[in-house]
Amino acid sequence: GMLKKAAALANHQLKSEKMTDEKCAAICKACDEVIAGQLSQHFPLVVW
């Protein structure tokens, strides 16, 4: 969640034509929910 948010912010700064304000805002909000553990039930994969 942290690195995807950081990547969105970096892409917004360096490639704003592709990572638009609208996309960046939505992605950052979703990432914040991942970081807060609110979406943990959506990560089912095993280590192996």
All heavy atoms as atom14 arrays in JSON, in Angstrom:
{
  "sequence": "GMLKKAAALANHQLKSEKMTDEKCAAICKACDEVIAGQLSQHFPLVVW",
  "atom14_mask": [
    [1, 1, 1, 1, 0, 0, 0, 0, 0, 0, 0, 0, 0, 0],
    [1, 1, 1, 1, 1, 1, 1, 1, 0, 0, 0, 0, 0, 0],
    [1, 1, 1, 1, 1, 1, 1, 1, 0, 0, 0, 0, 0, 0],
    [1, 1, 1, 1, 1, 1, 1, 1, 1, 0, 0, 0, 0, 0],
    [1, 1, 1, 1, 1, 1, 1, 1, 1, 0, 0, 0, 0, 0],
    [1, 1, 1, 1, 1, 0, 0, 0, 0, 0, 0, 0, 0, 0],
    [1, 1, 1, 1, 1, 0, 0, 0, 0, 0, 0, 0, 0, 0],
    [1, 1, 1, 1, 1, 0, 0, 0, 0, 0, 0, 0, 0, 0],
    [1, 1, 1, 1, 1, 1, 1, 1, 0, 0, 0, 0, 0, 0],
    [1, 1, 1, 1, 1, 0, 0, 0, 0, 0, 0, 0, 0, 0],
    [1, 1, 1, 1, 1, 1, 1, 1, 0, 0, 0, 0, 0, 0],
    [1, 1, 1, 1, 1, 1, 1, 1, 1, 1, 0, 0, 0, 0],
    [1, 1, 1, 1, 1, 1, 1, 1, 1, 0, 0, 0, 0, 0],
    [1, 1, 1, 1, 1, 1, 1, 1, 0, 0, 0, 0, 0, 0],
    [1, 1, 1, 1, 1, 1, 1, 1, 1, 0, 0, 0, 0, 0],
    [1, 1, 1, 1, 1, 1, 0, 0, 0, 0, 0, 0, 0, 0],
    [1, 1, 1, 1, 1, 1, 1, 1, 1, 0, 0, 0, 0, 0],
    [1, 1, 1, 1, 1, 1, 1, 1, 1, 0, 0, 0, 0, 0],
    [1, 1, 1, 1, 1, 1, 1, 1, 0, 0, 0, 0, 0, 0],
    [1, 1, 1, 1, 1, 1, 1, 0, 0, 0, 0, 0, 0, 0],
    [1, 1, 1, 1, 1, 1, 1, 1, 0, 0, 0, 0, 0, 0],
    [1, 1, 1, 1, 1, 1, 1, 1, 1, 0, 0, 0, 0, 0],
    [1, 1, 1, 1, 1, 1, 1, 1, 1, 0, 0, 0, 0, 0],
    [1, 1, 1, 1, 1, 1, 0, 0, 0, 0, 0, 0, 0, 0],
    [1, 1, 1, 1, 1, 0, 0, 0, 0, 0, 0, 0, 0, 0],
    [1, 1, 1, 1, 1, 0, 0, 0, 0, 0, 0, 0, 0, 0],
    [1, 1, 1, 1, 1, 1, 1, 1, 0, 0, 0, 0, 0, 0],
    [1, 1, 1, 1, 1, 1, 0, 0, 0, 0, 0, 0, 0, 0],
    [1, 1, 1, 1, 1, 1, 1, 1, 1, 0, 0, 0, 0, 0],
    [1, 1, 1, 1, 1, 0, 0, 0, 0, 0, 0, 0, 0, 0],
    [1, 1, 1, 1, 1, 1, 0, 0, 0, 0, 0, 0, 0, 0],
    [1, 1, 1, 1, 1, 1, 1, 1, 0, 0, 0, 0, 0, 0],
    [1, 1, 1, 1, 1, 1, 1, 1, 1, 0, 0, 0, 0, 0],
    [1, 1, 1, 1, 1, 1, 1, 0, 0, 0, 0, 0, 0, 0],
    [1, 1, 1, 1, 1, 1, 1, 1, 0, 0, 0, 0, 0, 0],
    [1, 1, 1, 1, 1, 0, 0, 0, 0, 0, 0, 0, 0, 0],
    [1, 1, 1, 1, 0, 0, 0, 0, 0, 0, 0, 0, 0, 0],
    [1, 1, 1, 1, 1, 1, 1, 1, 1, 0, 0, 0, 0, 0],
    [1, 1, 1, 1, 1, 1, 1, 1, 0, 0, 0, 0, 0, 0],
    [1, 1, 1, 1, 1, 1, 0, 0, 0, 0, 0, 0, 0, 0],
    [1, 1, 1, 1, 1, 1, 1, 1, 1, 0, 0, 0, 0, 0],
    [1, 1, 1, 1, 1, 1, 1, 1, 1, 1, 0, 0, 0, 0],
    [1, 1, 1, 1, 1, 1, 1, 1, 1, 1, 1, 0, 0, 0],
    [1, 1, 1, 1, 1, 1, 1, 0, 0, 0, 0, 0, 0, 0],
    [1, 1, 1, 1, 1, 1, 1, 1, 0, 0, 0, 0, 0, 0],
    [1, 1, 1, 1, 1, 1, 1, 0, 0, 0, 0, 0, 0, 0],
    [1, 1, 1, 1, 1, 1, 1, 0, 0, 0, 0, 0, 0, 0],
    [1, 1, 1, 1, 1, 1, 1, 1, 1, 1, 1, 1, 1, 1]
  ],
  "atom14_positions": [
    [[0.82, -1.2, 0.0], [0.0, 0.0, 0.0], [0.86, 1.25, 0.0], [0.57, 2.22, -0.72], [0.0, 0.0, 0.0], [0.0, 0.0, 0.0], [0.0, 0.0, 0.0], [0.0, 0.0, 0.0], [0.0, 0.0, 0.0], [0.0, 0.0, 0.0], [0.0, 0.0, 0.0], [0.0, 0.0, 0.0], [0.0, 0.0, 0.0], [0.0, 0.0, 0.0]],
    [[1.93, 1.24, 0.77], [2.83, 2.39, 0.85], [3.57, 2.63, -0.46], [3.65, 3.75, -0.96], [3.84, 2.19, 1.99], [3.22, 2.25, 3.37], [4.45, 1.92, 4.67], [3.45, 2.22, 6.13], [0.0, 0.0, 0.0], [0.0, 0.0, 0.0], [0.0, 0.0, 0.0], [0.0, 0.0, 0.0], [0.0, 0.0, 0.0], [0.0, 0.0, 0.0]],
    [[4.12, 1.54, -1.03], [4.93, 1.75, -2.24], [4.07, 2.08, -3.44], [4.49, 2.84, -4.33], [5.84, 0.54, -2.49], [5.27, -0.76, -3.06], [5.23, -0.75, -4.58], [6.09, -1.96, -2.58], [0.0, 0.0, 0.0], [0.0, 0.0, 0.0], [0.0, 0.0, 0.0], [0.0, 0.0, 0.0], [0.0, 0.0, 0.0], [0.0, 0.0, 0.0]],
    [[2.83, 1.55, -3.51], [1.94, 1.88, -4.63], [1.48, 3.34, -4.54], [1.34, 4.02, -5.57], [0.73, 0.94, -4.64], [1.05, -0.52, -4.94], [1.62, -0.72, -6.33], [1.99, -2.18, -6.59], [2.57, -2.39, -7.94], [0.0, 0.0, 0.0], [0.0, 0.0, 0.0], [0.0, 0.0, 0.0], [0.0, 0.0, 0.0], [0.0, 0.0, 0.0]],
    [[1.28, 3.81, -3.32], [0.93, 5.23, -3.16], [2.11, 6.11, -3.56], [1.95, 7.11, -4.28], [0.54, 5.51, -1.71], [0.14, 6.97, -1.47], [-0.34, 7.2, -0.04], [-0.76, 8.66, 0.16], [-1.29, 8.91, 1.52], [0.0, 0.0, 0.0], [0.0, 0.0, 0.0], [0.0, 0.0, 0.0], [0.0, 0.0, 0.0], [0.0, 0.0, 0.0]],
    [[3.31, 5.73, -3.11], [4.51, 6.5, -3.46], [4.73, 6.5, -4.97], [5.1, 7.53, -5.56], [5.73, 5.92, -2.74], [0.0, 0.0, 0.0], [0.0, 0.0, 0.0], [0.0, 0.0, 0.0], [0.0, 0.0, 0.0], [0.0, 0.0, 0.0], [0.0, 0.0, 0.0], [0.0, 0.0, 0.0], [0.0, 0.0, 0.0], [0.0, 0.0, 0.0]],
    [[4.49, 5.35, -5.62], [4.66, 5.27, -7.07], [3.65, 6.16, -7.79], [3.99, 6.84, -8.77], [4.51, 3.82, -7.53], [0.0, 0.0, 0.0], [0.0, 0.0, 0.0], [0.0, 0.0, 0.0], [0.0, 0.0, 0.0], [0.0, 0.0, 0.0], [0.0, 0.0, 0.0], [0.0, 0.0, 0.0], [0.0, 0.0, 0.0], [0.0, 0.0, 0.0]],
    [[2.4, 6.17, -7.31], [1.38, 7.02, -7.93], [1.77, 8.5, -7.82], [1.64, 9.27, -8.77], [0.03, 6.77, -7.28], [0.0, 0.0, 0.0], [0.0, 0.0, 0.0], [0.0, 0.0, 0.0], [0.0, 0.0, 0.0], [0.0, 0.0, 0.0], [0.0, 0.0, 0.0], [0.0, 0.0, 0.0], [0.0, 0.0, 0.0], [0.0, 0.0, 0.0]],
    [[2.26, 8.88, -6.65], [2.67, 10.28, -6.44], [3.87, 10.64, -7.32], [3.93, 11.74, -7.89], [3.01, 10.51, -4.97], [1.82, 10.44, -3.99], [2.32, 10.39, -2.54], [0.9, 11.63, -4.19], [0.0, 0.0, 0.0], [0.0, 0.0, 0.0], [0.0, 0.0, 0.0], [0.0, 0.0, 0.0], [0.0, 0.0, 0.0], [0.0, 0.0, 0.0]],
    [[4.83, 9.72, -7.44], [6.0, 9.97, -8.29], [5.6, 10.04, -9.76], [6.07, 10.91, -10.5], [7.05, 8.87, -8.07], [0.0, 0.0, 0.0], [0.0, 0.0, 0.0], [0.0, 0.0, 0.0], [0.0, 0.0, 0.0], [0.0, 0.0, 0.0], [0.0, 0.0, 0.0], [0.0, 0.0, 0.0], [0.0, 0.0, 0.0], [0.0, 0.0, 0.0]],
    [[4.73, 9.12, -10.19], [4.25, 9.15, -11.58], [3.45, 10.42, -11.87], [3.53, 10.97, -12.97], [3.39, 7.91, -11.86], [4.23, 6.66, -12.1], [5.26, 6.71, -12.77], [3.8, 5.53, -11.55], [0.0, 0.0, 0.0], [0.0, 0.0, 0.0], [0.0, 0.0, 0.0], [0.0, 0.0, 0.0], [0.0, 0.0, 0.0], [0.0, 0.0, 0.0]],
    [[2.68, 10.86, -10.9], [1.91, 12.1, -11.07], [2.84, 13.29, -11.27], [2.56, 14.19, -12.07], [1.02, 12.32, -9.85], [0.15, 13.53, -9.95], [0.33, 14.64, -9.16], [-0.9, 13.81, -10.77], [-0.58, 15.56, -9.48], [-1.33, 15.08, -10.45], [0.0, 0.0, 0.0], [0.0, 0.0, 0.0], [0.0, 0.0, 0.0], [0.0, 0.0, 0.0]],
    [[3.95, 13.27, -10.57], [4.93, 14.36, -10.7], [5.69, 14.27, -12.01], [5.95, 15.31, -12.66], [5.91, 14.31, -9.53], [6.97, 15.41, -9.54], [7.85, 15.38, -8.3], [7.37, 15.16, -7.19], [9.14, 15.59, -8.48], [0.0, 0.0, 0.0], [0.0, 0.0, 0.0], [0.0, 0.0, 0.0], [0.0, 0.0, 0.0], [0.0, 0.0, 0.0]],
    [[6.01, 13.07, -12.47], [6.88, 12.89, -13.63], [6.12, 12.59, -14.93], [6.63, 12.84, -16.02], [7.87, 11.75, -13.37], [8.83, 11.94, -12.17], [9.6, 10.66, -11.89], [9.78, 13.11, -12.41], [0.0, 0.0, 0.0], [0.0, 0.0, 0.0], [0.0, 0.0, 0.0], [0.0, 0.0, 0.0], [0.0, 0.0, 0.0], [0.0, 0.0, 0.0]],
    [[4.91, 12.04, -14.81], [4.12, 11.66, -15.99], [2.66, 12.06, -15.78], [1.74, 11.24, -15.83], [4.21, 10.14, -16.23], [5.61, 9.63, -16.5], [5.68, 8.1, -16.49], [4.96, 7.48, -17.67], [5.18, 6.02, -17.77], [0.0, 0.0, 0.0], [0.0, 0.0, 0.0], [0.0, 0.0, 0.0], [0.0, 0.0, 0.0], [0.0, 0.0, 0.0]],
    [[2.43, 13.33, -15.53], [1.09, 13.81, -15.18], [0.08, 13.62, -16.31], [-1.12, 13.58, -16.07], [1.14, 15.28, -14.76], [1.7, 16.08, -15.8], [0.0, 0.0, 0.0], [0.0, 0.0, 0.0], [0.0, 0.0, 0.0], [0.0, 0.0, 0.0], [0.0, 0.0, 0.0], [0.0, 0.0, 0.0], [0.0, 0.0, 0.0], [0.0, 0.0, 0.0]],
    [[0.57, 13.46, -17.53], [-0.36, 13.24, -18.65], [-0.98, 11.84, -18.58], [-2.09, 11.61, -19.07], [0.35, 13.44, -20.0], [1.32, 12.36, -20.43], [2.67, 12.37, -19.71], [2.87, 13.28, -18.86], [3.5, 11.49, -19.98], [0.0, 0.0, 0.0], [0.0, 0.0, 0.0], [0.0, 0.0, 0.0], [0.0, 0.0, 0.0], [0.0, 0.0, 0.0]],
    [[-0.27, 10.91, -17.92], [-0.81, 9.55, -17.77], [-1.36, 9.33, -16.36], [-2.42, 8.73, -16.19], [0.28, 8.51, -18.08], [0.65, 8.46, -19.56], [1.43, 7.2, -19.88], [1.61, 7.07, -21.41], [2.27, 5.8, -21.76], [0.0, 0.0, 0.0], [0.0, 0.0, 0.0], [0.0, 0.0, 0.0], [0.0, 0.0, 0.0], [0.0, 0.0, 0.0]],
    [[-0.64, 9.79, -15.36], [-1.13, 9.69, -13.99], [-1.78, 11.04, -13.66], [-1.18, 11.94, -13.08], [0.02, 9.38, -13.01], [-0.43, 9.22, -11.55], [-1.69, 7.94, -11.29], [-0.79, 6.46, -11.65], [0.0, 0.0, 0.0], [0.0, 0.0, 0.0], [0.0, 0.0, 0.0], [0.0, 0.0, 0.0], [0.0, 0.0, 0.0], [0.0, 0.0, 0.0]],
    [[-3.04, 11.15, -14.05], [-3.78, 12.41, -13.91], [-4.11, 12.7, -12.45], [-3.99, 11.83, -11.57], [-5.09, 12.35, -14.71], [-5.9, 11.3, -14.14], [-4.82, 12.06, -16.18], [0.0, 0.0, 0.0], [0.0, 0.0, 0.0], [0.0, 0.0, 0.0], [0.0, 0.0, 0.0], [0.0, 0.0, 0.0], [0.0, 0.0, 0.0], [0.0, 0.0, 0.0]],
    [[-4.57, 13.91, -12.18], [-4.99, 14.28, -10.83], [-6.06, 13.33, -10.31], [-6.01, 12.88, -9.16], [-5.56, 15.71, -10.81], [-4.49, 16.77, -11.07], [-3.3, 16.43, -11.01], [-4.86, 17.93, -11.32], [0.0, 0.0, 0.0], [0.0, 0.0, 0.0], [0.0, 0.0, 0.0], [0.0, 0.0, 0.0], [0.0, 0.0, 0.0], [0.0, 0.0, 0.0]],
    [[-7.02, 13.01, -11.19], [-8.15, 12.17, -10.79], [-7.68, 10.76, -10.45], [-8.08, 10.18, -9.44], [-9.19, 12.12, -11.92], [-10.46, 11.4, -11.54], [-11.49, 11.36, -12.67], [-11.08, 11.55, -13.85], [-12.68, 11.14, -12.37], [0.0, 0.0, 0.0], [0.0, 0.0, 0.0], [0.0, 0.0, 0.0], [0.0, 0.0, 0.0], [0.0, 0.0, 0.0]],
    [[-6.83, 10.2, -11.3], [-6.31, 8.86, -11.04], [-5.48, 8.82, -9.76], [-5.65, 7.93, -8.91], [-5.45, 8.38, -12.21], [-6.22, 7.93, -13.44], [-5.26, 7.4, -14.49], [-6.02, 6.93, -15.75], [-5.09, 6.41, -16.78], [0.0, 0.0, 0.0], [0.0, 0.0, 0.0], [0.0, 0.0, 0.0], [0.0, 0.0, 0.0], [0.0, 0.0, 0.0]],
    [[-4.6, 9.78, -9.62], [-3.71, 9.81, -8.46], [-4.51, 9.9, -7.15], [-4.22, 9.2, -6.18], [-2.73, 10.98, -8.58], [-1.45, 11.0, -7.29], [0.0, 0.0, 0.0], [0.0, 0.0, 0.0], [0.0, 0.0, 0.0], [0.0, 0.0, 0.0], [0.0, 0.0, 0.0], [0.0, 0.0, 0.0], [0.0, 0.0, 0.0], [0.0, 0.0, 0.0]],
    [[-5.53, 10.74, -7.16], [-6.34, 10.92, -5.95], [-7.06, 9.62, -5.58], [-7.09, 9.22, -4.4], [-7.34, 12.04, -6.16], [0.0, 0.0, 0.0], [0.0, 0.0, 0.0], [0.0, 0.0, 0.0], [0.0, 0.0, 0.0], [0.0, 0.0, 0.0], [0.0, 0.0, 0.0], [0.0, 0.0, 0.0], [0.0, 0.0, 0.0], [0.0, 0.0, 0.0]],
    [[-7.64, 8.95, -6.57], [-8.38, 7.71, -6.31], [-7.43, 6.6, -5.84], [-7.74, 5.85, -4.91], [-9.14, 7.28, -7.55], [0.0, 0.0, 0.0], [0.0, 0.0, 0.0], [0.0, 0.0, 0.0], [0.0, 0.0, 0.0], [0.0, 0.0, 0.0], [0.0, 0.0, 0.0], [0.0, 0.0, 0.0], [0.0, 0.0, 0.0], [0.0, 0.0, 0.0]],
    [[-6.28, 6.51, -6.51], [-5.3, 5.48, -6.13], [-4.78, 5.72, -4.72], [-4.7, 4.79, -3.91], [-4.14, 5.45, -7.15], [-4.63, 4.93, -8.5], [-2.98, 4.59, -6.62], [-3.61, 5.09, -9.63], [0.0, 0.0, 0.0], [0.0, 0.0, 0.0], [0.0, 0.0, 0.0], [0.0, 0.0, 0.0], [0.0, 0.0, 0.0], [0.0, 0.0, 0.0]],
    [[-4.47, 6.97, -4.4], [-3.93, 7.28, -3.07], [-4.94, 6.96, -1.98], [-4.58, 6.45, -0.91], [-3.51, 8.75, -3.0], [-1.98, 9.1, -3.91], [0.0, 0.0, 0.0], [0.0, 0.0, 0.0], [0.0, 0.0, 0.0], [0.0, 0.0, 0.0], [0.0, 0.0, 0.0], [0.0, 0.0, 0.0], [0.0, 0.0, 0.0], [0.0, 0.0, 0.0]],
    [[-6.22, 7.24, -2.24], [-7.24, 6.93, -1.24], [-7.36, 5.42, -1.05], [-7.48, 4.94, 0.08], [-8.59, 7.52, -1.66], [-9.65, 7.39, -0.58], [-10.91, 8.15, -0.9], [-11.93, 8.01, 0.23], [-13.21, 8.69, -0.07], [0.0, 0.0, 0.0], [0.0, 0.0, 0.0], [0.0, 0.0, 0.0], [0.0, 0.0, 0.0], [0.0, 0.0, 0.0]],
    [[-7.33, 4.67, -2.14], [-7.39, 3.2, -2.04], [-6.16, 2.66, -1.3], [-6.26, 1.75, -0.47], [-7.48, 2.59, -3.42], [0.0, 0.0, 0.0], [0.0, 0.0, 0.0], [0.0, 0.0, 0.0], [0.0, 0.0, 0.0], [0.0, 0.0, 0.0], [0.0, 0.0, 0.0], [0.0, 0.0, 0.0], [0.0, 0.0, 0.0], [0.0, 0.0, 0.0]],
    [[-5.0, 3.23, -1.6], [-3.77, 2.8, -0.92], [-3.84, 3.09, 0.57], [-3.37, 2.29, 1.39], [-2.56, 3.5, -1.53], [-2.1, 2.91, -3.18], [0.0, 0.0, 0.0], [0.0, 0.0, 0.0], [0.0, 0.0, 0.0], [0.0, 0.0, 0.0], [0.0, 0.0, 0.0], [0.0, 0.0, 0.0], [0.0, 0.0, 0.0], [0.0, 0.0, 0.0]],
    [[-4.4, 4.23, 0.94], [-4.54, 4.56, 2.36], [-5.38, 3.51, 3.08], [-5.12, 3.16, 4.25], [-5.18, 5.94, 2.54], [-4.21, 7.07, 2.2], [-2.99, 6.83, 2.23], [-4.68, 8.19, 1.92], [0.0, 0.0, 0.0], [0.0, 0.0, 0.0], [0.0, 0.0, 0.0], [0.0, 0.0, 0.0], [0.0, 0.0, 0.0], [0.0, 0.0, 0.0]],
    [[-6.38, 2.99, 2.41], [-7.22, 1.94, 3.01], [-6.45, 0.63, 3.15], [-6.62, -0.09, 4.14], [-8.48, 1.73, 2.16], [-9.43, 2.93, 2.2], [-10.66, 2.72, 1.32], [-10.81, 1.62, 0.73], [-11.48, 3.66, 1.23], [0.0, 0.0, 0.0], [0.0, 0.0, 0.0], [0.0, 0.0, 0.0], [0.0, 0.0, 0.0], [0.0, 0.0, 0.0]],
    [[-5.59, 0.34, 2.18], [-4.72, -0.84, 2.28], [-3.78, -0.68, 3.47], [-3.62, -1.6, 4.29], [-3.92, -1.06, 0.99], [-2.88, -2.19, 1.18], [-4.84, -1.4, -0.18], [0.0, 0.0, 0.0], [0.0, 0.0, 0.0], [0.0, 0.0, 0.0], [0.0, 0.0, 0.0], [0.0, 0.0, 0.0], [0.0, 0.0, 0.0], [0.0, 0.0, 0.0]],
    [[-3.16, 0.49, 3.59], [-2.21, 0.76, 4.67], [-2.9, 0.65, 6.03], [-2.32, 0.12, 7.0], [-1.58, 2.16, 4.49], [-0.72, 2.19, 3.22], [-0.75, 2.54, 5.71], [-0.33, 3.59, 2.77], [0.0, 0.0, 0.0], [0.0, 0.0, 0.0], [0.0, 0.0, 0.0], [0.0, 0.0, 0.0], [0.0, 0.0, 0.0], [0.0, 0.0, 0.0]],
    [[-4.13, 1.11, 6.1], [-4.88, 1.08, 7.37], [-5.42, -0.3, 7.71], [-5.99, -0.51, 8.79], [-6.03, 2.09, 7.3], [0.0, 0.0, 0.0], [0.0, 0.0, 0.0], [0.0, 0.0, 0.0], [0.0, 0.0, 0.0], [0.0, 0.0, 0.0], [0.0, 0.0, 0.0], [0.0, 0.0, 0.0], [0.0, 0.0, 0.0], [0.0, 0.0, 0.0]],
    [[-5.24, -1.28, 6.8], [-5.72, -2.63, 7.04], [-7.2, -2.84, 6.78], [-7.77, -3.87, 7.13], [0.0, 0.0, 0.0], [0.0, 0.0, 0.0], [0.0, 0.0, 0.0], [0.0, 0.0, 0.0], [0.0, 0.0, 0.0], [0.0, 0.0, 0.0], [0.0, 0.0, 0.0], [0.0, 0.0, 0.0], [0.0, 0.0, 0.0], [0.0, 0.0, 0.0]],
    [[-7.83, -1.87, 6.12], [-9.27, -1.95, 5.87], [-9.63, -2.91, 4.75], [-10.79, -3.3, 4.62], [-9.8, -0.55, 5.54], [-9.68, 0.44, 6.7], [-10.02, 1.86, 6.28], [-10.51, 2.1, 5.17], [-9.76, 2.82, 7.16], [0.0, 0.0, 0.0], [0.0, 0.0, 0.0], [0.0, 0.0, 0.0], [0.0, 0.0, 0.0], [0.0, 0.0, 0.0]],
    [[-8.64, -3.3, 3.94], [-8.91, -4.18, 2.81], [-8.21, -5.53, 2.94], [-7.99, -6.23, 1.95], [-8.49, -3.49, 1.5], [-9.09, -2.11, 1.23], [-8.57, -1.56, -0.1], [-10.62, -2.17, 1.22], [0.0, 0.0, 0.0], [0.0, 0.0, 0.0], [0.0, 0.0, 0.0], [0.0, 0.0, 0.0], [0.0, 0.0, 0.0], [0.0, 0.0, 0.0]],
    [[-7.88, -5.91, 4.16], [-7.07, -7.12, 4.37], [-7.74, -8.38, 3.84], [-7.06, -9.32, 3.41], [-6.74, -7.28, 5.85], [-7.93, -7.33, 6.62], [0.0, 0.0, 0.0], [0.0, 0.0, 0.0], [0.0, 0.0, 0.0], [0.0, 0.0, 0.0], [0.0, 0.0, 0.0], [0.0, 0.0, 0.0], [0.0, 0.0, 0.0], [0.0, 0.0, 0.0]],
    [[-9.08, -8.41, 3.85], [-9.79, -9.59, 3.38], [-9.69, -9.79, 1.87], [-10.12, -10.83, 1.34], [-11.27, -9.53, 3.8], [-12.11, -8.49, 3.07], [-12.08, -7.12, 3.73], [-11.09, -6.75, 4.37], [-13.17, -6.37, 3.6], [0.0, 0.0, 0.0], [0.0, 0.0, 0.0], [0.0, 0.0, 0.0], [0.0, 0.0, 0.0], [0.0, 0.0, 0.0]],
    [[-9.11, -8.82, 1.19], [-8.97, -8.9, -0.26], [-7.57, -9.36, -0.69], [-7.23, -9.3, -1.87], [-9.3, -7.55, -0.9], [-10.69, -7.07, -0.57], [-11.81, -7.54, -1.22], [-11.15, -6.19, 0.36], [-12.89, -6.96, -0.73], [-12.51, -6.13, 0.24], [0.0, 0.0, 0.0], [0.0, 0.0, 0.0], [0.0, 0.0, 0.0], [0.0, 0.0, 0.0]],
    [[-6.77, -9.8, 0.3], [-5.41, -10.28, 0.02], [-5.28, -11.72, 0.52], [-4.77, -11.97, 1.62], [-4.38, -9.37, 0.7], [-4.3, -8.0, 0.09], [-5.14, -6.98, 0.53], [-3.41, -7.72, -0.93], [-5.08, -5.72, -0.03], [-3.33, -6.46, -1.51], [-4.19, -5.46, -1.06], [0.0, 0.0, 0.0], [0.0, 0.0, 0.0], [0.0, 0.0, 0.0]],
    [[-5.73, -12.7, -0.27], [-5.84, -14.09, 0.19], [-4.63, -14.97, -0.14], [-4.62, -16.14, 0.24], [-7.05, -14.59, -0.59], [-6.91, -13.89, -1.92], [-6.35, -12.53, -1.62], [0.0, 0.0, 0.0], [0.0, 0.0, 0.0], [0.0, 0.0, 0.0], [0.0, 0.0, 0.0], [0.0, 0.0, 0.0], [0.0, 0.0, 0.0], [0.0, 0.0, 0.0]],
    [[-3.63, -14.44, -0.83], [-2.62, -15.33, -1.39], [-1.64, -15.87, -0.36], [-1.32, -15.21, 0.64], [-1.86, -14.62, -2.52], [-2.72, -14.16, -3.69], [-1.86, -13.64, -4.82], [-3.64, -15.28, -4.17], [0.0, 0.0, 0.0], [0.0, 0.0, 0.0], [0.0, 0.0, 0.0], [0.0, 0.0, 0.0], [0.0, 0.0, 0.0], [0.0, 0.0, 0.0]],
    [[-1.15, -17.07, -0.62], [-0.23, -17.74, 0.3], [1.21, -17.35, -0.01], [1.52, -16.82, -1.08], [-0.4, -19.27, 0.22], [-1.78, -19.69, 0.7], [-0.12, -19.79, -1.19], [0.0, 0.0, 0.0], [0.0, 0.0, 0.0], [0.0, 0.0, 0.0], [0.0, 0.0, 0.0], [0.0, 0.0, 0.0], [0.0, 0.0, 0.0], [0.0, 0.0, 0.0]],
    [[2.07, -17.65, 0.96], [3.5, -17.43, 0.78], [4.06, -18.3, -0.33], [4.91, -17.88, -1.13], [4.25, -17.72, 2.11], [5.76, -17.69, 1.91], [3.82, -16.74, 3.19], [0.0, 0.0, 0.0], [0.0, 0.0, 0.0], [0.0, 0.0, 0.0], [0.0, 0.0, 0.0], [0.0, 0.0, 0.0], [0.0, 0.0, 0.0], [0.0, 0.0, 0.0]],
    [[3.53, -19.53, -0.41], [4.1, -20.54, -1.31], [3.51, -20.38, -2.71], [2.65, -21.12, -3.14], [3.84, -21.92, -0.73], [4.13, -21.93, 0.74], [3.22, -21.96, 1.76], [5.41, -21.83, 1.36], [3.86, -21.91, 2.97], [5.2, -21.83, 2.77], [6.72, -21.75, 0.88], [6.25, -21.75, 3.69], [7.76, -21.66, 1.8], [7.52, -21.67, 3.17]]
  ]
}
